[in-house]
Amino acid sequence: MTIVRYEPWTLLSRFQRQFERALGETPEDAPSPSVSWIPHVDIREEAERFVVVADLPGVEAKDINVTAEKGVLAVRGERRSQKQSSGDGYERVERASGTFLRRPRARMPRRSRQAT
């Protein structure tokens, strides 16, 4: 009798990746299918513009790219952090990094060509 390891979430993860790929919501150059951080994004419409407020702690402005193409807003960037501590006879360094991409759903007119 063969023992097979049961991993119920593997099938669901594979289905989700295929579904996102079919909808065009996952970039083909994404380094990993797993997501560890998704920033919160709020959008409000004013008289002549849309205002986007993104919660991006630990992300520098130079690492953020905001685009609006064909009526779709995209907030893309990279977060890097490093924590270092030392004590009696040891030194500890923790590094974390990762990219993110948010395409919040908003009714943006196709005439919007500028993202600031």
N, C-alpha and C. Protein backbone atom coordinates (compact mmCIF):
# COMPACT_ATOMS: atom_id res chain seq x y z
N MET A 1 0.84 -1.17 0.00
CA MET A 1 0.00 0.00 0.00
C MET A 1 0.89 1.24 0.00
N THR A 2 0.60 2.18 -0.89
CA THR A 2 1.36 3.41 -1.01
C THR A 2 0.73 4.49 -0.15
N ILE A 3 1.57 5.19 0.60
CA ILE A 3 1.08 6.30 1.41
C ILE A 3 1.24 7.58 0.60
N VAL A 4 0.15 8.30 0.44
CA VAL A 4 0.15 9.55 -0.32
C VAL A 4 -0.09 10.69 0.64
N ARG A 5 0.76 11.68 0.56
CA ARG A 5 0.62 12.85 1.42
C ARG A 5 -0.54 13.70 0.91
N TYR A 6 -1.47 14.02 1.79
CA TYR A 6 -2.66 14.79 1.42
C TYR A 6 -2.41 16.27 1.71
N GLU A 7 -2.46 17.08 0.66
CA GLU A 7 -2.29 18.52 0.78
C GLU A 7 -3.50 19.19 0.12
N PRO A 8 -4.54 19.48 0.90
CA PRO A 8 -5.79 19.98 0.31
C PRO A 8 -5.67 21.37 -0.31
N TRP A 9 -4.76 22.20 0.13
CA TRP A 9 -4.68 23.58 -0.37
C TRP A 9 -3.90 23.68 -1.68
N THR A 10 -3.17 22.65 -2.04
CA THR A 10 -2.40 22.68 -3.28
C THR A 10 -3.31 22.81 -4.49
N LEU A 11 -4.35 22.03 -4.52
CA LEU A 11 -5.29 22.07 -5.64
C LEU A 11 -5.99 23.43 -5.71
N LEU A 12 -6.39 23.97 -4.58
CA LEU A 12 -7.05 25.26 -4.55
C LEU A 12 -6.11 26.38 -4.99
N SER A 13 -4.86 26.35 -4.57
CA SER A 13 -3.88 27.35 -4.98
C SER A 13 -3.63 27.29 -6.48
N ARG A 14 -3.53 26.09 -7.02
CA ARG A 14 -3.31 25.93 -8.45
C ARG A 14 -4.51 26.47 -9.24
N PHE A 15 -5.72 26.18 -8.76
CA PHE A 15 -6.92 26.69 -9.41
C PHE A 15 -6.96 28.21 -9.38
N GLN A 16 -6.60 28.82 -8.25
CA GLN A 16 -6.60 30.27 -8.13
C GLN A 16 -5.60 30.91 -9.09
N ARG A 17 -4.39 30.34 -9.20
CA ARG A 17 -3.38 30.87 -10.12
C ARG A 17 -3.88 30.81 -11.57
N GLN A 18 -4.50 29.67 -11.94
CA GLN A 18 -5.00 29.53 -13.31
C GLN A 18 -6.14 30.51 -13.57
N PHE A 19 -7.00 30.71 -12.59
CA PHE A 19 -8.11 31.64 -12.74
C PHE A 19 -7.61 33.07 -12.90
N GLU A 20 -6.64 33.48 -12.07
CA GLU A 20 -6.07 34.82 -12.17
C GLU A 20 -5.34 35.01 -13.50
N ARG A 21 -4.64 34.00 -13.95
CA ARG A 21 -3.93 34.08 -15.22
C ARG A 21 -4.94 34.23 -16.37
N ALA A 22 -6.07 33.53 -16.29
CA ALA A 22 -7.09 33.63 -17.33
C ALA A 22 -7.73 35.02 -17.36
N LEU A 23 -7.85 35.66 -16.20
CA LEU A 23 -8.41 37.00 -16.15
C LEU A 23 -7.37 38.08 -16.43
N GLY A 24 -6.12 37.69 -16.51
CA GLY A 24 -5.06 38.65 -16.79
C GLY A 24 -4.69 39.49 -15.59
N GLU A 25 -4.93 39.00 -14.39
CA GLU A 25 -4.65 39.77 -13.19
C GLU A 25 -3.30 39.45 -12.57
N THR A 26 -2.60 38.45 -13.06
CA THR A 26 -1.29 38.10 -12.53
C THR A 26 -0.24 38.38 -13.59
N PRO A 27 0.76 39.21 -13.25
CA PRO A 27 1.80 39.46 -14.25
C PRO A 27 2.61 38.21 -14.52
N GLU A 28 2.98 38.02 -15.76
CA GLU A 28 3.72 36.82 -16.14
C GLU A 28 5.12 36.80 -15.54
N ASP A 29 5.67 37.99 -15.22
CA ASP A 29 7.02 38.04 -14.69
C ASP A 29 7.05 38.04 -13.17
N ALA A 30 5.94 37.67 -12.54
CA ALA A 30 5.91 37.63 -11.08
C ALA A 30 6.86 36.57 -10.57
N PRO A 31 7.68 36.88 -9.55
CA PRO A 31 8.66 35.93 -9.10
C PRO A 31 8.09 34.71 -8.37
N SER A 32 6.93 34.87 -7.74
CA SER A 32 6.38 33.78 -6.97
C SER A 32 4.87 33.87 -6.97
N PRO A 33 4.16 32.74 -7.01
CA PRO A 33 2.72 32.80 -6.99
C PRO A 33 2.17 33.11 -5.60
N SER A 34 2.96 32.98 -4.57
CA SER A 34 2.48 33.25 -3.23
C SER A 34 2.61 34.74 -2.92
N VAL A 35 1.68 35.26 -2.15
CA VAL A 35 1.67 36.67 -1.80
C VAL A 35 1.75 36.77 -0.29
N SER A 36 2.71 37.55 0.20
CA SER A 36 2.85 37.69 1.64
C SER A 36 2.31 39.02 2.13
N TRP A 37 2.12 39.99 1.23
CA TRP A 37 1.66 41.30 1.65
C TRP A 37 0.91 41.97 0.51
N ILE A 38 -0.29 42.44 0.81
CA ILE A 38 -1.08 43.18 -0.15
C ILE A 38 -1.45 44.49 0.51
N PRO A 39 -0.94 45.62 0.00
CA PRO A 39 -1.24 46.90 0.64
C PRO A 39 -2.70 47.31 0.44
N HIS A 40 -3.22 48.06 1.41
CA HIS A 40 -4.58 48.57 1.33
C HIS A 40 -4.58 49.84 0.48
N VAL A 41 -5.59 49.97 -0.38
CA VAL A 41 -5.69 51.11 -1.27
C VAL A 41 -7.11 51.67 -1.18
N ASP A 42 -7.23 52.99 -0.99
CA ASP A 42 -8.52 53.68 -0.99
C ASP A 42 -8.54 54.63 -2.17
N ILE A 43 -9.68 54.70 -2.86
CA ILE A 43 -9.84 55.57 -4.02
C ILE A 43 -11.08 56.42 -3.81
N ARG A 44 -10.93 57.73 -4.09
CA ARG A 44 -12.10 58.58 -4.06
C ARG A 44 -12.05 59.50 -5.29
N GLU A 45 -13.21 59.85 -5.76
CA GLU A 45 -13.30 60.70 -6.94
C GLU A 45 -13.62 62.12 -6.51
N GLU A 46 -12.86 63.06 -7.04
CA GLU A 46 -13.12 64.47 -6.83
C GLU A 46 -13.57 65.07 -8.14
N ALA A 47 -13.78 66.36 -8.18
CA ALA A 47 -14.34 67.02 -9.37
C ALA A 47 -13.54 66.73 -10.64
N GLU A 48 -12.24 66.90 -10.59
CA GLU A 48 -11.41 66.77 -11.79
C GLU A 48 -10.37 65.66 -11.71
N ARG A 49 -10.41 64.84 -10.67
CA ARG A 49 -9.36 63.83 -10.51
C ARG A 49 -9.81 62.71 -9.59
N PHE A 50 -9.03 61.66 -9.60
CA PHE A 50 -9.18 60.56 -8.65
C PHE A 50 -8.05 60.69 -7.64
N VAL A 51 -8.35 60.44 -6.38
CA VAL A 51 -7.34 60.47 -5.33
C VAL A 51 -7.16 59.05 -4.82
N VAL A 52 -5.91 58.58 -4.88
CA VAL A 52 -5.58 57.23 -4.44
C VAL A 52 -4.71 57.33 -3.21
N VAL A 53 -5.14 56.69 -2.12
CA VAL A 53 -4.37 56.67 -0.89
C VAL A 53 -4.00 55.21 -0.62
N ALA A 54 -2.70 54.94 -0.62
CA ALA A 54 -2.23 53.56 -0.40
C ALA A 54 -1.46 53.50 0.91
N ASP A 55 -1.70 52.46 1.69
CA ASP A 55 -1.00 52.24 2.94
C ASP A 55 0.23 51.39 2.64
N LEU A 56 1.40 52.05 2.57
CA LEU A 56 2.64 51.38 2.18
C LEU A 56 3.73 51.61 3.21
N PRO A 57 3.60 51.04 4.41
CA PRO A 57 4.64 51.24 5.43
C PRO A 57 5.95 50.57 5.04
N GLY A 58 7.04 51.28 5.23
CA GLY A 58 8.35 50.72 4.93
C GLY A 58 8.74 50.75 3.47
N VAL A 59 7.92 51.38 2.62
CA VAL A 59 8.23 51.46 1.20
C VAL A 59 8.64 52.89 0.88
N GLU A 60 9.78 53.03 0.25
CA GLU A 60 10.26 54.36 -0.12
C GLU A 60 9.56 54.82 -1.41
N ALA A 61 9.44 56.13 -1.56
CA ALA A 61 8.75 56.70 -2.72
C ALA A 61 9.40 56.29 -4.04
N LYS A 62 10.72 56.15 -4.04
CA LYS A 62 11.42 55.76 -5.27
C LYS A 62 11.10 54.33 -5.70
N ASP A 63 10.56 53.52 -4.79
CA ASP A 63 10.24 52.13 -5.08
C ASP A 63 8.77 51.92 -5.47
N ILE A 64 8.03 53.02 -5.69
CA ILE A 64 6.61 52.94 -6.02
C ILE A 64 6.39 53.43 -7.45
N ASN A 65 5.58 52.70 -8.20
CA ASN A 65 5.26 53.07 -9.57
C ASN A 65 3.74 53.02 -9.72
N VAL A 66 3.14 54.16 -10.07
CA VAL A 66 1.69 54.24 -10.25
C VAL A 66 1.42 54.54 -11.72
N THR A 67 0.60 53.71 -12.34
CA THR A 67 0.25 53.91 -13.75
C THR A 67 -1.26 53.79 -13.93
N ALA A 68 -1.74 54.43 -14.97
CA ALA A 68 -3.15 54.31 -15.36
C ALA A 68 -3.16 54.12 -16.87
N GLU A 69 -3.46 52.91 -17.29
CA GLU A 69 -3.47 52.58 -18.72
C GLU A 69 -4.79 51.93 -19.08
N LYS A 70 -5.41 52.43 -20.12
CA LYS A 70 -6.67 51.88 -20.62
C LYS A 70 -7.73 51.80 -19.53
N GLY A 71 -7.76 52.80 -18.66
CA GLY A 71 -8.76 52.85 -17.60
C GLY A 71 -8.48 51.96 -16.42
N VAL A 72 -7.29 51.38 -16.33
CA VAL A 72 -6.94 50.49 -15.22
C VAL A 72 -5.81 51.11 -14.43
N LEU A 73 -6.02 51.29 -13.15
CA LEU A 73 -5.00 51.84 -12.26
C LEU A 73 -4.15 50.69 -11.73
N ALA A 74 -2.84 50.90 -11.68
CA ALA A 74 -1.93 49.88 -11.14
C ALA A 74 -0.95 50.56 -10.19
N VAL A 75 -0.83 50.02 -8.98
CA VAL A 75 0.15 50.48 -8.00
C VAL A 75 1.13 49.32 -7.81
N ARG A 76 2.37 49.55 -8.19
CA ARG A 76 3.40 48.50 -8.17
C ARG A 76 4.59 49.02 -7.39
N GLY A 77 5.27 48.13 -6.67
CA GLY A 77 6.44 48.55 -5.92
C GLY A 77 7.17 47.40 -5.28
N GLU A 78 8.14 47.77 -4.46
CA GLU A 78 8.95 46.78 -3.76
C GLU A 78 9.21 47.26 -2.34
N ARG A 79 9.08 46.35 -1.41
CA ARG A 79 9.33 46.66 0.00
C ARG A 79 10.55 45.89 0.46
N ARG A 80 11.46 46.62 1.11
CA ARG A 80 12.67 45.99 1.67
C ARG A 80 12.81 46.42 3.12
N SER A 81 13.22 45.50 3.96
CA SER A 81 13.47 45.87 5.36
C SER A 81 14.61 45.00 5.91
N GLN A 82 15.29 45.57 6.88
CA GLN A 82 16.38 44.85 7.53
C GLN A 82 16.40 45.23 9.00
N LYS A 83 16.41 44.23 9.86
CA LYS A 83 16.49 44.43 11.31
C LYS A 83 17.75 43.76 11.80
N GLN A 84 18.48 44.47 12.61
CA GLN A 84 19.74 43.94 13.10
C GLN A 84 19.79 44.13 14.61
N SER A 85 20.19 43.09 15.30
CA SER A 85 20.36 43.17 16.75
C SER A 85 21.54 42.29 17.14
N SER A 86 22.18 42.66 18.21
CA SER A 86 23.30 41.86 18.70
C SER A 86 23.24 41.82 20.22
N GLY A 87 23.81 40.78 20.73
CA GLY A 87 23.81 40.58 22.17
C GLY A 87 25.11 39.96 22.60
N ASP A 88 25.09 39.30 23.70
CA ASP A 88 26.28 38.68 24.28
C ASP A 88 26.68 37.45 23.45
N GLY A 89 27.60 37.64 22.55
CA GLY A 89 28.13 36.53 21.77
C GLY A 89 27.33 36.17 20.52
N TYR A 90 26.36 36.98 20.14
CA TYR A 90 25.62 36.66 18.91
C TYR A 90 25.25 37.96 18.19
N GLU A 91 24.97 37.80 16.93
CA GLU A 91 24.46 38.89 16.11
C GLU A 91 23.34 38.34 15.25
N ARG A 92 22.23 39.06 15.19
CA ARG A 92 21.07 38.59 14.46
C ARG A 92 20.69 39.61 13.41
N VAL A 93 20.51 39.15 12.17
CA VAL A 93 20.11 40.02 11.07
C VAL A 93 18.92 39.36 10.37
N GLU A 94 17.83 40.12 10.25
CA GLU A 94 16.65 39.63 9.53
C GLU A 94 16.42 40.54 8.34
N ARG A 95 16.24 39.94 7.19
CA ARG A 95 15.97 40.69 5.96
C ARG A 95 14.68 40.17 5.35
N ALA A 96 13.90 41.11 4.87
CA ALA A 96 12.66 40.75 4.18
C ALA A 96 12.50 41.67 2.99
N SER A 97 12.05 41.12 1.89
CA SER A 97 11.79 41.93 0.71
C SER A 97 10.72 41.26 -0.12
N GLY A 98 10.12 42.04 -0.96
CA GLY A 98 9.11 41.49 -1.84
C GLY A 98 8.46 42.56 -2.67
N THR A 99 7.92 42.16 -3.79
CA THR A 99 7.24 43.08 -4.68
C THR A 99 5.73 42.95 -4.48
N PHE A 100 5.01 43.99 -4.87
CA PHE A 100 3.57 43.96 -4.79
C PHE A 100 3.00 44.62 -6.03
N LEU A 101 1.79 44.27 -6.34
CA LEU A 101 1.05 44.85 -7.45
C LEU A 101 -0.41 44.90 -7.05
N ARG A 102 -0.99 46.08 -7.07
CA ARG A 102 -2.41 46.23 -6.78
C ARG A 102 -3.08 46.87 -7.98
N ARG A 103 -4.17 46.30 -8.39
CA ARG A 103 -5.01 46.88 -9.44
C ARG A 103 -6.41 47.03 -8.86
N PRO A 104 -6.60 48.07 -8.05
CA PRO A 104 -7.92 48.23 -7.42
C PRO A 104 -8.99 48.50 -8.46
N ARG A 105 -10.17 48.02 -8.19
CA ARG A 105 -11.27 48.20 -9.12
C ARG A 105 -11.83 49.61 -8.93
N ALA A 106 -11.85 50.36 -10.00
CA ALA A 106 -12.40 51.71 -9.98
C ALA A 106 -12.94 52.03 -11.35
N ARG A 107 -13.94 52.85 -11.40
CA ARG A 107 -14.50 53.26 -12.69
C ARG A 107 -13.74 54.49 -13.16
N MET A 108 -12.66 54.26 -13.85
CA MET A 108 -11.84 55.35 -14.36
C MET A 108 -12.16 55.56 -15.83
N PRO A 109 -12.35 56.81 -16.23
CA PRO A 109 -12.59 57.04 -17.65
C PRO A 109 -11.35 56.74 -18.47
N ARG A 110 -11.55 56.35 -19.71
CA ARG A 110 -10.41 56.02 -20.56
C ARG A 110 -9.55 57.23 -20.91
N ARG A 111 -10.07 58.43 -20.74
CA ARG A 111 -9.31 59.63 -21.07
C ARG A 111 -8.21 59.92 -20.06
N SER A 112 -8.22 59.25 -18.91
CA SER A 112 -7.19 59.52 -17.90
C SER A 112 -5.87 58.91 -18.36
N ARG A 113 -4.90 59.74 -18.59
CA ARG A 113 -3.62 59.30 -19.10
C ARG A 113 -2.50 59.61 -18.14
N GLN A 114 -2.75 60.43 -17.14
CA GLN A 114 -1.67 60.87 -16.26
C GLN A 114 -1.88 60.34 -14.86
N ALA A 115 -0.85 59.76 -14.30
CA ALA A 115 -0.88 59.29 -12.91
C ALA A 115 0.21 60.04 -12.16
N THR A 116 -0.18 60.69 -11.08
CA THR A 116 0.81 61.45 -10.29
C THR A 116 0.78 60.98 -8.87
